[in-house]
Protein backbone atom coordinates (compact mmCIF):
# COMPACT_ATOMS: atom_id res chain seq x y z
CA MET A 1 84.00 -46.68 43.44
CA ALA A 2 80.84 -46.71 45.49
CA LYS A 3 80.29 -43.04 44.68
CA LYS A 4 80.71 -43.64 40.89
CA THR A 5 78.24 -46.55 40.97
CA SER A 6 75.74 -44.41 42.83
CA LYS A 7 76.00 -41.65 40.20
CA LYS A 8 75.42 -44.08 37.30
CA LYS A 9 72.37 -45.61 38.95
CA ALA A 10 70.89 -42.16 39.59
CA ALA A 11 71.36 -41.15 35.94
CA LYS A 12 69.35 -44.04 34.45
CA PRO A 13 65.99 -43.09 35.97
CA ALA A 14 66.56 -39.51 34.80
CA ARG A 15 66.95 -40.66 31.17
CA LYS A 16 63.82 -42.82 31.43
CA THR A 17 61.90 -39.90 32.90
CA THR A 18 63.03 -37.65 30.04
CA LYS A 19 61.92 -40.16 27.40
CA LYS A 20 58.58 -40.64 29.12
CA ALA A 21 58.04 -36.87 29.33
CA ALA A 22 58.87 -36.47 25.64
CA LYS A 23 56.43 -39.23 24.76
CA ASN A 24 53.70 -37.64 26.86
CA ALA A 25 54.44 -34.24 25.32
CA GLY A 26 54.06 -35.71 21.86
CA ALA A 27 50.74 -37.29 22.76
CA SER A 28 49.59 -34.04 24.35
CA GLY A 29 50.60 -32.10 21.25
CA ALA A 30 48.61 -34.43 19.03
CA THR A 31 45.60 -34.10 21.32
CA SER A 32 45.89 -30.31 21.34
CA GLU A 33 46.07 -30.22 17.55
CA ALA A 34 42.98 -32.43 17.26
CA ALA A 35 41.12 -30.27 19.76
CA MET A 36 42.12 -27.13 17.89
CA MET A 37 40.92 -28.57 14.57
CA ALA A 38 37.62 -29.54 16.21
CA GLN A 39 37.21 -25.98 17.47
CA TRP A 40 37.87 -24.58 13.99
CA GLN A 41 35.34 -26.97 12.49
CA SER A 42 32.73 -25.89 15.01
CA ALA A 43 33.50 -22.21 14.48
CA MET A 44 33.30 -22.36 10.68
CA THR A 45 30.17 -24.50 10.25
CA PRO A 46 26.81 -22.74 9.72
CA GLY A 47 24.16 -23.90 12.16
CA PRO A 48 20.57 -23.31 13.34
CA SER A 49 21.28 -19.64 14.16
CA HIS A 50 22.20 -19.05 10.53
CA LYS A 51 19.01 -20.81 9.40
CA ARG A 52 17.00 -18.20 11.29
CA LEU A 53 17.93 -15.77 8.52
CA ASP A 54 16.50 -17.99 5.76
CA PRO A 55 13.19 -16.05 5.55
CA LEU A 56 15.19 -12.98 4.46
CA VAL A 57 16.58 -14.67 1.34
CA GLY A 58 15.08 -13.53 -1.97
CA LYS A 59 13.89 -10.36 -3.70
CA PHE A 60 11.82 -7.84 -1.76
CA LYS A 61 10.10 -4.53 -2.29
CA ALA A 62 11.19 -2.07 0.38
CA LYS A 63 9.61 1.01 1.91
CA THR A 64 11.77 3.24 4.11
CA GLU A 65 10.42 5.81 6.56
CA PHE A 66 13.11 8.09 8.00
CA VAL A 67 12.90 10.99 10.48
CA MET A 68 15.66 13.33 11.61
CA ALA A 69 14.02 14.16 14.96
CA PRO A 70 10.96 13.23 17.05
CA GLY A 71 7.71 14.71 15.80
CA VAL A 72 9.04 15.49 12.34
CA PRO A 73 7.05 14.07 9.38
CA PRO A 74 8.90 11.07 7.94
CA MET A 75 10.62 11.03 4.59
CA VAL A 76 9.38 8.02 2.63
CA HIS A 77 11.47 6.20 0.02
CA GLU A 78 10.93 3.03 -1.95
CA GLY A 79 13.42 0.54 -3.31
CA THR A 80 14.26 -3.11 -3.85
CA SER A 81 16.38 -5.52 -1.87
CA ASP A 82 18.03 -8.63 -3.31
CA ASN A 83 19.26 -10.94 -0.53
CA ARG A 84 21.30 -14.11 -0.91
CA TRP A 85 23.57 -16.42 1.07
CA VAL A 86 27.30 -16.05 0.35
CA LEU A 87 30.44 -17.91 1.45
CA GLY A 88 28.69 -21.24 1.84
CA GLY A 89 25.70 -20.01 3.82
CA ARG A 90 27.77 -18.15 6.40
CA TYR A 91 26.65 -14.60 5.61
CA LEU A 92 23.47 -13.11 4.21
CA GLU A 93 24.28 -10.45 1.63
CA GLN A 94 21.80 -7.63 1.03
CA ALA A 95 21.97 -5.47 -2.10
CA TYR A 96 19.61 -2.49 -1.86
CA ARG A 97 18.71 -0.07 -4.65
CA GLY A 98 16.31 2.84 -4.60
CA MET A 99 15.98 6.58 -4.12
CA ALA A 100 16.63 8.71 -1.03
CA MET A 101 16.30 12.48 -0.68
CA GLY A 102 15.74 12.76 -4.40
CA MET A 103 18.98 10.96 -5.24
CA PRO A 104 19.83 7.41 -6.34
CA PHE A 105 20.75 5.29 -3.35
CA GLU A 106 22.53 1.95 -3.11
CA GLY A 107 23.65 -0.08 -0.13
CA ILE A 108 25.30 -3.40 0.62
CA GLY A 109 25.04 -5.20 3.93
CA TYR A 110 26.10 -8.49 5.46
CA THR A 111 24.47 -10.28 8.38
CA GLY A 112 25.77 -13.46 9.97
CA TYR A 113 26.11 -15.38 13.20
CA ASP A 114 29.50 -15.66 14.87
CA ASN A 115 29.67 -19.14 16.40
CA PRO A 116 32.54 -18.48 18.89
CA SER A 117 31.00 -15.33 20.38
CA LYS A 118 27.45 -16.67 19.98
CA ARG A 119 26.23 -13.37 18.57
CA TYR A 120 24.72 -12.08 15.37
CA VAL A 121 26.95 -9.61 13.55
CA GLY A 122 26.39 -7.20 10.70
CA THR A 123 27.93 -4.55 8.48
CA TRP A 124 26.38 -1.93 6.21
CA MET A 125 27.83 0.36 3.52
CA ASP A 126 25.99 2.74 1.18
CA THR A 127 26.38 5.59 -1.28
CA PHE A 128 25.52 8.20 1.36
CA GLY A 129 28.87 7.73 3.10
CA THR A 130 32.36 6.27 2.94
CA GLY A 131 32.34 4.47 6.27
CA VAL A 132 30.95 1.19 7.56
CA MET A 133 28.24 0.70 10.15
CA ASN A 134 28.97 -2.30 12.39
CA SER A 135 26.33 -4.16 14.37
CA VAL A 136 26.61 -6.70 17.18
CA GLY A 137 23.73 -8.81 18.44
CA VAL A 138 22.47 -8.36 22.01
CA GLY A 139 19.91 -10.10 24.16
CA ARG A 140 18.32 -13.43 23.32
CA PRO A 141 17.49 -13.74 19.61
CA THR A 142 14.48 -15.70 18.44
CA ALA A 143 13.15 -16.83 15.08
CA SER A 144 11.01 -13.68 14.93
CA LYS A 145 13.22 -10.99 16.49
CA MET A 146 16.93 -10.13 16.67
CA ASN A 147 18.31 -7.10 18.50
CA PHE A 148 21.57 -5.32 17.71
CA VAL A 149 23.66 -2.39 18.85
CA ALA A 150 25.04 -0.54 15.84
CA GLU A 151 27.74 2.13 15.62
CA ALA A 152 28.50 4.58 12.83
CA PHE A 153 29.91 8.06 12.34
CA GLU A 154 27.91 11.10 11.30
CA PRO A 155 29.26 13.43 8.56
CA SER A 156 30.47 15.69 11.41
CA GLY A 157 32.72 12.89 12.66
CA LYS A 158 30.64 12.27 15.77
CA LYS A 159 30.03 8.62 16.65
CA ILE A 160 26.39 7.67 16.90
CA VAL A 161 24.94 4.54 18.49
CA PHE A 162 21.71 2.90 17.39
CA ASP A 163 19.52 0.10 18.70
CA ALA A 164 18.54 -1.99 15.69
CA ILE A 165 15.85 -4.64 15.36
CA ILE A 166 15.23 -7.27 12.69
CA ALA A 167 11.63 -8.45 13.01
CA ILE A 168 10.55 -11.46 10.92
CA LYS A 169 6.79 -11.85 10.52
CA ASP A 170 6.94 -14.69 7.99
CA ARG A 171 8.84 -15.67 4.83
CA ASP A 172 7.24 -12.82 2.88
CA HIS A 173 7.37 -9.99 5.42
CA HIS A 174 10.09 -8.59 7.65
CA SER A 175 11.32 -5.22 8.85
CA TYR A 176 14.40 -3.42 10.08
CA GLU A 177 14.20 -0.65 12.69
CA MET A 178 16.75 1.79 14.07
CA TRP A 179 16.33 3.66 17.34
CA THR A 180 18.55 6.38 18.76
CA LYS A 181 18.47 9.22 21.30
CA ALA A 182 17.15 12.72 20.74
CA PRO A 183 19.08 15.71 22.15
CA ASN A 184 16.85 15.52 25.25
CA GLY A 185 18.01 11.94 25.86
CA LYS A 186 14.74 10.24 24.93
CA ARG A 187 14.82 7.29 22.53
CA PHE A 188 12.93 7.54 19.26
CA ARG A 189 12.66 5.46 16.13
CA ASN A 190 14.43 7.32 13.37
CA MET A 191 14.01 4.65 10.68
CA ILE A 192 11.95 1.65 9.73
CA VAL A 193 12.25 -0.35 6.53
CA THR A 194 9.43 -2.77 5.73
CA TYR A 195 10.05 -5.54 3.23
CA VAL A 196 7.48 -7.49 1.20
CA ARG A 197 8.54 -10.35 -1.05
CA ALA A 198 8.42 -9.31 -4.69
């Protein structure tokens, strides 16, 4: 009888411990869910880094200077760029129209700021290809300058890497530069687009 009584007494604390653990688990689950929702809210809400792109919103006249190699005279093209916020101010959409190499040229790009990774991001598509150029911000961005590393594929299928720069002079003037490496390994600027508010 003493053994049976001992077993019953040992079982009661075990049941209480189980109930307490379940209660704590429920509270922890609720806390985790609240924390997760707070993270989502922070990740999805546009902030000051998005506002840095405000000077780029609007209609601009564009002038593009493009060179295939160092020392080669640039090809110059003109066009227009219509930029607007989309998806609730999360991404800046750029719609470009103009001429390039004697042919009509159109391009669409998106630039935004990824809150979780704390980096600017971008994509670009145009009528001179069927792929997408992807850009990721590097360094410390400021209100006047943002640096990116961009990757795309040449018509040959070779991947090419660019250093890209968005430079904002004021609300009416900004530019976009692309730098890459020549066959000898030296960096050169192969493109600059200057924008003036229309």
